[in-house]
């Protein structure tokens, strides 16, 4: 019980620091976008940057410069780098969305996680297809291809997270 209470305090403290840090930079943007959208852009951008850095390191320093043979599965280097990056960015992204951006969601945590995972799986397939299109078909370099793919999917994800994964109940209209 005591350990769980300490974990809760640590989570609250971390969340408070992150929110205060993000909100510190919000005033110049207040006239243009709502605070929730600014927090989403900041958290999502930070997580996308983390994903891209991990992708770059895995793609350029960890993985061999050739397709990987895993038993009967042959995987392109950029696909393996994407999987490694996803293993880092998925839990970070969920935590930032749940505890920083969409705090008012009425859904239970496990439902949010399931929906977030569902949207992530959809994004994985879209990411795979777009990455193959840009890097494999168009011949762009792997890291810029992943960056472009990330921008496209970030825009789609914002609406999916707001209206599906972390939705809030609409307030009933007051009859006049």
Foldseek 3Di string as FASTA:
>chain_A
DVVVVVVVVVLVVVLVVLQVVQVVPCPVCVVPDPPLVSLLCVQLVVLLVQLLVQLCCQLPPNDDCAWDDDPPDTHHSSLVSNVRSCVPSLVSSLSSCCRHRQVQFPDDPVQLNVLSVVLVVVLSVQLVVQQCCVCVVVVDDNSVSSVVSSVVVSVVVVVSCDPPNRDHDDDDDDDD
